[in-house]
Protein backbone atom coordinates (compact mmCIF):
# COMPACT_ATOMS: atom_id res chain seq x y z
CA MET A 1 -59.89 -33.09 -105.19
CA GLU A 2 -59.69 -35.00 -101.92
CA SER A 3 -56.49 -36.73 -103.10
CA ILE A 4 -54.93 -33.39 -104.00
CA ARG A 5 -55.82 -31.97 -100.58
CA LEU A 6 -54.36 -35.09 -98.95
CA SER A 7 -51.10 -34.75 -100.89
CA PHE A 8 -50.71 -31.13 -99.74
CA LYS A 9 -51.53 -32.16 -96.16
CA ILE A 10 -48.91 -34.94 -96.20
CA CYS A 11 -46.25 -32.64 -97.64
CA ILE A 12 -46.96 -29.60 -95.49
CA ASN A 13 -47.55 -31.41 -92.18
CA ASN A 14 -45.13 -34.34 -92.42
CA LEU A 15 -42.65 -34.21 -95.28
CA PHE A 16 -41.54 -30.62 -95.82
CA PRO A 17 -40.82 -29.77 -92.15
CA SER A 18 -38.35 -32.66 -91.97
CA LEU A 19 -36.80 -32.18 -95.42
CA ILE A 20 -36.35 -28.40 -95.69
CA PRO A 21 -33.77 -27.86 -92.91
CA PHE A 22 -31.66 -30.85 -93.93
CA MET A 23 -31.70 -30.03 -97.66
CA LEU A 24 -30.68 -26.44 -96.96
CA LEU A 25 -28.04 -27.57 -94.50
CA SER A 26 -26.57 -30.17 -96.85
CA ASN A 27 -26.00 -27.60 -99.61
CA ILE A 28 -24.35 -25.19 -97.21
CA LEU A 29 -22.14 -27.89 -95.65
CA ILE A 30 -20.97 -29.14 -99.04
CA ASN A 31 -20.06 -25.60 -100.14
CA TYR A 32 -18.05 -25.09 -96.96
CA ASN A 33 -16.11 -28.35 -97.41
CA PHE A 34 -17.67 -30.07 -94.39
CA ILE A 35 -17.26 -33.30 -96.38
CA ASP A 36 -13.54 -33.25 -95.56
CA ASP A 37 -14.15 -33.52 -91.81
CA LEU A 38 -16.92 -36.09 -92.13
CA SER A 39 -14.80 -38.23 -94.45
CA ASP A 40 -11.97 -38.19 -91.91
CA MET A 41 -14.33 -39.42 -89.18
CA PHE A 42 -16.40 -42.05 -91.03
CA GLY A 43 -14.80 -42.44 -94.45
CA LYS A 44 -12.68 -45.48 -93.59
CA ILE A 45 -15.76 -47.36 -92.37
CA MET A 46 -17.64 -46.63 -95.61
CA ASN A 47 -14.63 -47.67 -97.68
CA LYS A 48 -13.89 -50.92 -95.84
CA VAL A 49 -17.43 -52.06 -95.04
CA PHE A 50 -19.41 -50.92 -98.08
CA LYS A 51 -16.54 -50.55 -100.59
CA VAL A 52 -17.45 -47.00 -101.61
CA SER A 53 -15.44 -43.78 -101.50
CA LYS A 54 -14.99 -41.94 -98.21
CA ASN A 55 -17.12 -38.98 -99.24
CA THR A 56 -20.25 -41.14 -99.41
CA SER A 57 -20.30 -41.04 -95.60
CA PHE A 58 -22.03 -37.64 -95.91
CA ALA A 59 -24.97 -39.08 -97.89
CA PHE A 60 -25.18 -42.12 -95.61
CA ILE A 61 -25.34 -40.18 -92.34
CA MET A 62 -27.61 -37.41 -93.64
CA SER A 63 -29.98 -40.02 -95.10
CA ILE A 64 -30.25 -41.76 -91.73
CA ILE A 65 -31.15 -38.46 -90.08
CA SER A 66 -33.59 -37.03 -92.64
CA GLY A 67 -34.81 -40.07 -94.63
CA THR A 68 -35.89 -40.54 -98.25
CA PRO A 69 -36.12 -39.06 -100.86
CA SER A 70 -33.44 -36.69 -99.60
CA ASN A 71 -30.86 -39.47 -100.10
CA GLY A 72 -31.18 -38.83 -103.83
CA LYS A 73 -30.60 -35.11 -103.28
CA TYR A 74 -27.44 -35.70 -101.22
CA LEU A 75 -25.99 -38.10 -103.78
CA LYS A 76 -26.81 -35.69 -106.62
CA ASP A 77 -25.10 -32.81 -104.78
CA LEU A 78 -22.00 -34.96 -104.20
CA LEU A 79 -21.95 -35.96 -107.87
CA ASP A 80 -22.45 -32.40 -109.11
CA ASN A 81 -19.57 -31.20 -106.94
CA GLY A 82 -17.23 -33.96 -108.12
CA LEU A 83 -16.96 -35.50 -104.66
CA ILE A 84 -18.05 -39.02 -105.72
CA ASP A 85 -18.28 -40.81 -109.06
CA ILE A 86 -21.27 -42.47 -110.72
CA ASN A 87 -20.30 -45.94 -109.45
CA ASP A 88 -20.33 -44.70 -105.84
CA CYS A 89 -23.73 -43.13 -106.47
CA LYS A 90 -25.20 -46.34 -107.90
CA ARG A 91 -23.99 -48.44 -105.02
CA CYS A 92 -24.99 -45.99 -102.28
CA LEU A 93 -28.44 -45.52 -103.78
CA ASN A 94 -29.21 -49.19 -103.14
CA PHE A 95 -28.55 -49.07 -99.41
CA CYS A 96 -28.78 -45.39 -98.38
CA HIS A 97 -32.55 -45.74 -98.18
CA PHE A 98 -33.70 -44.70 -94.72
CA THR A 99 -37.09 -43.45 -93.64
CA ASN A 100 -37.17 -40.57 -91.16
CA PRO A 101 -36.94 -42.12 -87.64
CA ILE A 102 -39.49 -39.65 -86.24
CA PHE A 103 -41.98 -40.75 -88.90
CA ILE A 104 -41.46 -44.45 -88.09
CA ILE A 105 -41.70 -44.15 -84.29
CA GLY A 106 -44.19 -41.28 -84.14
CA THR A 107 -46.51 -41.68 -87.12
CA ILE A 108 -46.33 -45.44 -87.68
CA GLY A 109 -45.72 -46.63 -84.14
CA CYS A 110 -47.70 -44.18 -82.02
CA THR A 111 -50.39 -43.02 -84.48
CA PHE A 112 -51.07 -45.90 -86.90
CA LEU A 113 -50.24 -48.90 -84.71
CA LYS A 114 -50.77 -47.10 -81.38
CA ASN A 115 -47.71 -48.86 -80.00
CA LYS A 116 -44.38 -47.07 -79.61
CA LYS A 117 -42.52 -50.34 -78.99
CA LEU A 118 -43.61 -51.72 -82.38
CA GLY A 119 -42.46 -48.47 -83.97
CA LEU A 120 -39.01 -49.00 -82.48
CA ILE A 121 -38.93 -52.61 -83.69
CA ILE A 122 -39.82 -51.48 -87.23
CA LEU A 123 -37.12 -48.79 -87.06
CA ILE A 124 -34.41 -51.29 -86.06
CA SER A 125 -35.54 -53.79 -88.71
CA HIS A 126 -35.59 -51.09 -91.36
CA TYR A 127 -32.06 -49.90 -90.59
CA LEU A 128 -30.64 -53.43 -90.39
CA SER A 129 -32.17 -54.41 -93.74
CA SER A 130 -30.63 -51.40 -95.53
CA ILE A 131 -27.21 -52.06 -93.97
CA LEU A 132 -27.38 -55.73 -95.04
CA ILE A 133 -28.18 -54.63 -98.59
CA GLY A 134 -25.01 -52.53 -98.47
CA LEU A 135 -22.96 -55.50 -97.27
CA PHE A 136 -24.35 -57.81 -99.96
CA ASN A 137 -23.77 -55.08 -102.54
CA ASN A 138 -20.02 -54.75 -102.01
CA LYS A 139 -18.84 -57.76 -104.02
CA ASN A 140 -17.95 -55.77 -107.11
CA TYR A 141 -15.17 -53.47 -106.00
CA TYR A 142 -14.55 -50.36 -108.06
CA GLU A 143 -10.98 -49.13 -108.17
CA SER A 144 -12.29 -45.58 -108.22
CA ASN A 145 -13.44 -45.98 -104.63
CA ASN A 146 -9.84 -45.62 -103.45
CA LYS A 147 -9.56 -42.17 -104.96
CA ASN A 148 -9.86 -39.03 -102.96
CA TYR A 149 -12.53 -36.88 -104.59
CA ILE A 150 -12.16 -33.88 -102.32
CA GLN A 151 -11.77 -30.83 -104.51
CA LYS A 152 -10.86 -27.25 -103.75
CA LYS A 153 -13.94 -25.14 -104.36
CA GLU A 154 -14.13 -21.56 -105.33
CA GLN A 155 -14.88 -19.56 -102.21
CA LYS A 156 -18.39 -18.08 -102.25
CA ASN A 157 -19.98 -15.67 -99.84
CA PHE A 158 -22.68 -16.98 -97.52
CA ILE A 159 -25.54 -15.04 -99.16
CA ASN A 160 -24.89 -16.62 -102.57
CA ILE A 161 -24.59 -20.08 -101.04
CA LEU A 162 -27.83 -19.63 -99.11
CA LYS A 163 -29.65 -18.31 -102.18
CA SER A 164 -28.59 -21.22 -104.38
CA SER A 165 -29.45 -23.66 -101.58
CA ILE A 166 -32.96 -22.20 -101.24
CA PHE A 167 -33.62 -22.35 -105.00
CA SER A 168 -32.35 -25.93 -105.17
CA THR A 169 -34.46 -26.99 -102.18
CA ILE A 170 -37.64 -25.33 -103.49
CA ASN A 171 -37.28 -27.01 -106.89
CA THR A 172 -36.81 -30.40 -105.23
CA LEU A 173 -39.78 -29.93 -102.89
CA LEU A 174 -42.10 -28.90 -105.74
CA LEU A 175 -41.01 -31.97 -107.68
CA ILE A 176 -41.77 -34.19 -104.67
CA LEU A 177 -45.18 -32.55 -104.18
CA GLY A 178 -46.09 -33.10 -107.84
CA ILE A 179 -45.14 -36.78 -107.76
CA ILE A 180 -47.00 -37.44 -104.48
CA THR A 181 -50.12 -35.72 -105.85
CA THR A 182 -49.98 -37.77 -109.06
CA CYS A 183 -49.56 -41.06 -107.17
CA LEU A 184 -52.39 -40.30 -104.73
CA ILE A 185 -54.76 -39.43 -107.60
CA PHE A 186 -53.80 -42.72 -109.27
CA THR A 187 -54.42 -44.79 -106.11
CA CYS A 188 -57.73 -42.94 -105.58
CA LEU A 189 -58.85 -43.96 -109.07
CA LEU A 190 -57.78 -47.56 -108.46
CA ASN A 191 -59.63 -47.59 -105.13
CA ASN A 192 -62.82 -46.48 -106.86
CA ILE A 193 -62.48 -48.95 -109.73
CA PHE A 194 -61.48 -52.03 -107.72
CA TYR A 195 -63.59 -52.58 -104.63
CA LEU A 196 -61.05 -54.28 -102.41
CA SER A 197 -61.64 -55.49 -98.89
CA ASP A 198 -60.48 -53.13 -96.16
CA ASN A 199 -58.03 -55.83 -95.04
CA VAL A 200 -56.10 -55.80 -98.33
CA LYS A 201 -56.17 -52.11 -99.25
CA PHE A 202 -52.71 -51.76 -97.74
CA ILE A 203 -51.36 -53.00 -101.09
CA TYR A 204 -51.80 -49.42 -102.30
CA GLY A 205 -48.75 -48.78 -100.15
CA LEU A 206 -46.71 -50.34 -102.96
CA ILE A 207 -47.57 -47.14 -104.85
CA GLU A 208 -47.73 -44.54 -102.04
CA VAL A 209 -46.54 -45.64 -98.61
CA THR A 210 -48.42 -43.22 -96.35
CA GLN A 211 -51.80 -44.04 -97.86
CA GLY A 212 -51.06 -47.78 -97.68
CA LEU A 213 -50.09 -47.46 -94.03
CA ASN A 214 -53.28 -45.54 -93.33
CA PHE A 215 -55.37 -48.33 -94.89
CA LEU A 216 -53.33 -50.86 -92.90
CA SER A 217 -54.02 -49.06 -89.61
CA ILE A 218 -57.83 -49.24 -90.05
CA SER A 219 -57.86 -52.89 -91.16
CA ASN A 220 -58.94 -55.76 -88.91
CA LEU A 221 -55.60 -57.56 -89.15
CA ASN A 222 -53.81 -58.46 -85.93
CA ILE A 223 -51.26 -55.96 -84.65
CA GLU A 224 -48.20 -58.20 -85.22
CA PHE A 225 -49.09 -58.76 -88.88
CA LYS A 226 -49.71 -55.04 -89.31
CA ALA A 227 -46.19 -54.34 -88.00
CA ILE A 228 -44.61 -56.85 -90.41
CA ILE A 229 -46.48 -55.40 -93.41
CA ALA A 230 -45.61 -51.85 -92.32
CA SER A 231 -41.95 -52.83 -92.06
CA PHE A 232 -41.99 -54.23 -95.60
CA LEU A 233 -43.71 -51.15 -97.03
CA ILE A 234 -41.31 -48.75 -95.30
CA SER A 235 -38.21 -50.56 -96.59
CA PHE A 236 -39.66 -51.06 -100.08
CA GLY A 237 -40.47 -47.37 -100.21
CA GLY A 238 -43.32 -47.38 -102.70
CA ILE A 239 -43.21 -46.44 -106.37
CA CYS A 240 -43.92 -42.84 -105.38
CA ILE A 241 -40.65 -42.53 -103.45
CA HIS A 242 -38.79 -44.39 -106.20
CA MET A 243 -40.05 -41.82 -108.70
CA GLN A 244 -39.02 -38.96 -106.41
CA VAL A 245 -35.48 -40.29 -106.01
CA PHE A 246 -34.96 -40.92 -109.72
CA SER A 247 -36.52 -37.60 -110.69
CA ILE A 248 -34.00 -35.86 -108.41
CA LEU A 249 -31.20 -37.92 -109.99
CA ASP A 250 -32.43 -37.13 -113.52
CA ASN A 251 -29.82 -37.49 -116.29
CA LYS A 252 -27.37 -39.36 -114.04
CA LYS A 253 -27.59 -42.57 -116.12
CA ILE A 254 -28.59 -44.79 -113.21
CA ARG A 255 -30.65 -47.91 -113.96
CA TYR A 256 -33.86 -48.38 -112.01
CA TYR A 257 -33.95 -52.20 -112.06
CA PRO A 258 -31.08 -52.82 -109.56
CA TYR A 259 -32.60 -50.23 -107.24
CA LEU A 260 -36.03 -51.89 -107.47
CA ILE A 261 -34.59 -55.33 -106.70
CA SER A 262 -32.68 -53.97 -103.71
CA ARG A 263 -35.88 -52.36 -102.37
CA ILE A 264 -37.84 -55.61 -102.71
CA ILE A 265 -35.12 -57.63 -100.97
CA SER A 266 -34.75 -54.97 -98.27
CA GLY A 267 -38.52 -55.05 -97.66
CA ILE A 268 -38.49 -58.84 -97.26
CA ILE A 269 -35.47 -58.76 -94.91
CA SER A 270 -37.06 -55.98 -92.87
CA GLY A 271 -40.29 -57.96 -92.52
CA ILE A 272 -38.34 -61.03 -91.36
CA PHE A 273 -36.40 -59.00 -88.80
CA THR A 274 -39.66 -57.50 -87.51
CA TYR A 275 -41.18 -60.98 -87.11
CA ILE A 276 -38.11 -62.19 -85.20
CA LEU A 277 -37.93 -59.13 -82.93
CA ILE A 278 -41.67 -59.30 -82.19
CA SER A 279 -41.29 -62.99 -81.28
CA LEU A 280 -38.41 -62.18 -78.93
CA PHE A 281 -39.40 -58.89 -77.33
CA TYR A 282 -43.09 -58.13 -77.87
């Protein structure tokens, strides 16, 4: 019961307020062909640097602003509207993994680590690691990335667009809530079966990040090591977030293994960057 209450608290106080406006906005923007303008501004960078189609710039930028698991929602919306193909989606999924910047600086930096500067270091490391994954991931160039996927959509009135956006957002949020609740119940059971030291309970963050970070914050580890571990957990994402993303992208025929490997590598790179930045600036 405590785990269920915690899952509702996390969603209502932290997750939903940051996800709802962006998920609603993304649906509305896509229906009003905002992708055209965004592709003109940033599309060439996405195409040349990451070797994906221009329209993926929407998912990339919105993911930076709002964080995971909304990246899966943006990619799904682009796929459903014929604005990108499945190859673009697979490639973007591996590097469009960004945690909400307010959560990193505010919750992790100021609340958990009680140090805003460390929160900023983790944020920079996290972003750099995801971008590097995108650069390493561009070796296999798909010819389809040169295509222009912008399609003429049937004009809808605003009320219908808003209604469909609300229904889509609610379904996604309920799915996220269910997965978080399940993962927290599972980690609660593990915590009661295996009596781990308080200094290693952060490994539960491999399942659910927020709970792992909470255990990390109350451990007796030194602050620099806490920051490195937090940076790894944020970039890895936790199995809970992985499940959320792939549940949103259900039936899109995307393999989990490449995504998992990219998250592990991104976590390691992020931890290394955090160590270097702490050594230089902290």
